[in-house]
């Protein structure tokens, strides 16, 4: 099977986030994003949005999604209030079209 042409691929967006209130691991953030996305958007909507945690360390990270689902992704992130039985706030720092842009603009080069 041949890969899709670039014009047929879905474009990606990268949402820079910061988790406030607790020191949490990458695995627990992935679990929280998955459960919040499935409960808010449903399994089909969550899969169609293409939401996944791209990177996370030291309380800051990047969440990847399709360009048509940025608002849904931000809603899913705002829906998260508890990670590892600790109250947290997931703050959206900004949205970028590249990982490098998200890291330099919003995560101070991290």
C-alpha atoms as a PDB file:
ATOM      1  CA  UNK A   1       0.000   0.000   0.000  1.00  0.00           C
ATOM      2  CA  UNK A   2       1.420   3.360  -1.013  1.00  0.00           C
ATOM      3  CA  UNK A   3       1.445   6.346   1.348  1.00  0.00           C
ATOM      4  CA  UNK A   4      -1.068   9.148   0.892  1.00  0.00           C
ATOM      5  CA  UNK A   5      -0.121  12.187  -1.108  1.00  0.00           C
ATOM      6  CA  UNK A   6       0.651  15.272   1.009  1.00  0.00           C
ATOM      7  CA  UNK A   7      -2.486  17.010  -0.249  1.00  0.00           C
ATOM      8  CA  UNK A   8      -4.657  14.156   1.052  1.00  0.00           C
ATOM      9  CA  UNK A   9      -3.140  13.952   4.549  1.00  0.00           C
ATOM     10  CA  UNK A  10      -4.751  15.679   7.496  1.00  0.00           C
ATOM     11  CA  UNK A  11      -2.706  18.574   8.827  1.00  0.00           C
ATOM     12  CA  UNK A  12      -1.635  18.503  12.456  1.00  0.00           C
ATOM     13  CA  UNK A  13      -1.682  21.109  15.194  1.00  0.00           C
ATOM     14  CA  UNK A  14       0.301  21.066  18.398  1.00  0.00           C
ATOM     15  CA  UNK A  15      -1.265  22.428  21.599  1.00  0.00           C
ATOM     16  CA  UNK A  16       1.189  23.457  24.315  1.00  0.00           C
ATOM     17  CA  UNK A  17      -0.100  22.703  27.829  1.00  0.00           C
ATOM     18  CA  UNK A  18       0.932  23.121  31.432  1.00  0.00           C
ATOM     19  CA  UNK A  19      -0.400  21.028  34.318  1.00  0.00           C
ATOM     20  CA  UNK A  20      -0.787  23.087  37.490  1.00  0.00           C
ATOM     21  CA  UNK A  21      -1.415  21.813  40.992  1.00  0.00           C
ATOM     22  CA  UNK A  22       0.492  18.530  41.094  1.00  0.00           C
ATOM     23  CA  UNK A  23       3.618  16.845  39.805  1.00  0.00           C
ATOM     24  CA  UNK A  24       2.349  14.126  37.435  1.00  0.00           C
ATOM     25  CA  UNK A  25       4.014  11.647  35.107  1.00  0.00           C
ATOM     26  CA  UNK A  26       3.685  11.381  31.331  1.00  0.00           C
ATOM     27  CA  UNK A  27       1.795   8.097  31.569  1.00  0.00           C
ATOM     28  CA  UNK A  28      -0.805   9.552  33.913  1.00  0.00           C
ATOM     29  CA  UNK A  29      -1.331  12.536  31.588  1.00  0.00           C
ATOM     30  CA  UNK A  30      -1.806  10.169  28.634  1.00  0.00           C
ATOM     31  CA  UNK A  31      -4.361   8.191  30.634  1.00  0.00           C
ATOM     32  CA  UNK A  32      -6.211  11.342  31.725  1.00  0.00           C
ATOM     33  CA  UNK A  33      -6.356  12.764  28.188  1.00  0.00           C
ATOM     34  CA  UNK A  34      -7.609   9.441  26.806  1.00  0.00           C
ATOM     35  CA  UNK A  35     -10.340   9.009  29.409  1.00  0.00           C
ATOM     36  CA  UNK A  36     -11.462  12.656  29.209  1.00  0.00           C
ATOM     37  CA  UNK A  37     -11.528  12.559  25.407  1.00  0.00           C
ATOM     38  CA  UNK A  38     -13.482   9.323  25.290  1.00  0.00           C
ATOM     39  CA  UNK A  39     -16.054  10.579  27.801  1.00  0.00           C
ATOM     40  CA  UNK A  40     -16.458  14.028  26.210  1.00  0.00           C
ATOM     41  CA  UNK A  41     -16.238  13.186  22.484  1.00  0.00           C
ATOM     42  CA  UNK A  42     -16.991   9.468  22.507  1.00  0.00           C
ATOM     43  CA  UNK A  43     -14.666   6.832  21.129  1.00  0.00           C
ATOM     44  CA  UNK A  44     -15.350   7.647  17.482  1.00  0.00           C
ATOM     45  CA  UNK A  45     -15.021  11.408  17.972  1.00  0.00           C
ATOM     46  CA  UNK A  46     -11.823  10.990  19.967  1.00  0.00           C
ATOM     47  CA  UNK A  47     -10.302   8.834  17.237  1.00  0.00           C
ATOM     48  CA  UNK A  48     -11.437  11.242  14.505  1.00  0.00           C
ATOM     49  CA  UNK A  49      -9.830  14.174  16.338  1.00  0.00           C
ATOM     50  CA  UNK A  50      -6.481  12.373  16.414  1.00  0.00           C
ATOM     51  CA  UNK A  51      -5.668  13.559  19.926  1.00  0.00           C
ATOM     52  CA  UNK A  52      -2.457  12.214  21.435  1.00  0.00           C
ATOM     53  CA  UNK A  53       0.180  13.369  23.904  1.00  0.00           C
ATOM     54  CA  UNK A  54       3.310  14.140  21.892  1.00  0.00           C
ATOM     55  CA  UNK A  55       5.634  14.957  24.764  1.00  0.00           C
ATOM     56  CA  UNK A  56       5.414  15.798  28.460  1.00  0.00           C
ATOM     57  CA  UNK A  57       7.979  16.525  31.153  1.00  0.00           C
ATOM     58  CA  UNK A  58       8.409  18.897  34.108  1.00  0.00           C
ATOM     59  CA  UNK A  59       4.728  19.842  34.128  1.00  0.00           C
ATOM     60  CA  UNK A  60       4.671  21.055  30.513  1.00  0.00           C
ATOM     61  CA  UNK A  61       3.966  19.222  27.302  1.00  0.00           C
ATOM     62  CA  UNK A  62       2.566  19.126  23.795  1.00  0.00           C
ATOM     63  CA  UNK A  63      -0.676  17.487  22.660  1.00  0.00           C
ATOM     64  CA  UNK A  64      -1.082  16.646  18.957  1.00  0.00           C
ATOM     65  CA  UNK A  65      -4.400  16.781  17.078  1.00  0.00           C
ATOM     66  CA  UNK A  66      -5.866  17.297  13.596  1.00  0.00           C
ATOM     67  CA  UNK A  67      -6.252  20.875  12.413  1.00  0.00           C
ATOM     68  CA  UNK A  68     -10.045  20.570  12.327  1.00  0.00           C
ATOM     69  CA  UNK A  69     -10.227  19.466  15.976  1.00  0.00           C
ATOM     70  CA  UNK A  70      -8.295  22.166  17.830  1.00  0.00           C
ATOM     71  CA  UNK A  71     -11.328  23.483  19.699  1.00  0.00           C
ATOM     72  CA  UNK A  72     -12.389  19.964  20.685  1.00  0.00           C
ATOM     73  CA  UNK A  73      -8.863  19.245  21.929  1.00  0.00           C
ATOM     74  CA  UNK A  74      -8.817  22.375  24.068  1.00  0.00           C
ATOM     75  CA  UNK A  75     -12.235  21.399  25.477  1.00  0.00           C
ATOM     76  CA  UNK A  76     -10.969  17.910  26.341  1.00  0.00           C
ATOM     77  CA  UNK A  77      -7.929  19.399  28.108  1.00  0.00           C
ATOM     78  CA  UNK A  78     -10.119  21.816  30.071  1.00  0.00           C
ATOM     79  CA  UNK A  79     -12.343  18.881  31.072  1.00  0.00           C
ATOM     80  CA  UNK A  80      -9.476  17.233  33.016  1.00  0.00           C
ATOM     81  CA  UNK A  81      -9.633  18.061  36.720  1.00  0.00           C
ATOM     82  CA  UNK A  82      -8.109  15.028  38.468  1.00  0.00           C
ATOM     83  CA  UNK A  83      -4.916  13.135  37.629  1.00  0.00           C
ATOM     84  CA  UNK A  84      -3.646  10.382  39.945  1.00  0.00           C
ATOM     85  CA  UNK A  85      -6.236  11.344  42.613  1.00  0.00           C
ATOM     86  CA  UNK A  86      -4.827  14.883  42.746  1.00  0.00           C
ATOM     87  CA  UNK A  87      -6.732  18.027  41.763  1.00  0.00           C
ATOM     88  CA  UNK A  88      -5.095  19.702  38.770  1.00  0.00           C
ATOM     89  CA  UNK A  89      -5.726  22.414  36.219  1.00  0.00           C
ATOM     90  CA  UNK A  90      -4.591  21.859  32.637  1.00  0.00           C
ATOM     91  CA  UNK A  91      -3.771  25.254  31.159  1.00  0.00           C
ATOM     92  CA  UNK A  92      -3.533  25.705  27.386  1.00  0.00           C
ATOM     93  CA  UNK A  93      -0.543  27.895  26.542  1.00  0.00           C
ATOM     94  CA  UNK A  94      -1.010  28.106  22.775  1.00  0.00           C
ATOM     95  CA  UNK A  95      -1.423  26.333  19.441  1.00  0.00           C
ATOM     96  CA  UNK A  96       1.191  25.936  16.721  1.00  0.00           C
ATOM     97  CA  UNK A  97       1.556  24.170  13.396  1.00  0.00           C
ATOM     98  CA  UNK A  98       4.957  22.686  14.237  1.00  0.00           C
ATOM     99  CA  UNK A  99       6.505  21.038  17.274  1.00  0.00           C
ATOM    100  CA  UNK A 100       9.454  23.415  17.148  1.00  0.00           C
ATOM    101  CA  UNK A 101       7.156  26.442  17.068  1.00  0.00           C
ATOM    102  CA  UNK A 102       5.138  25.199  20.020  1.00  0.00           C
ATOM    103  CA  UNK A 103       8.267  24.444  22.035  1.00  0.00           C
ATOM    104  CA  UNK A 104      10.023  27.744  21.375  1.00  0.00           C
ATOM    105  CA  UNK A 105       7.014  30.046  21.631  1.00  0.00           C
ATOM    106  CA  UNK A 106       5.133  28.507  24.520  1.00  0.00           C
ATOM    107  CA  UNK A 107       7.443  26.147  26.404  1.00  0.00           C
ATOM    108  CA  UNK A 108      10.565  28.366  26.420  1.00  0.00           C
ATOM    109  CA  UNK A 109      12.551  26.039  24.165  1.00  0.00           C
ATOM    110  CA  UNK A 110      11.904  22.929  26.251  1.00  0.00           C
END
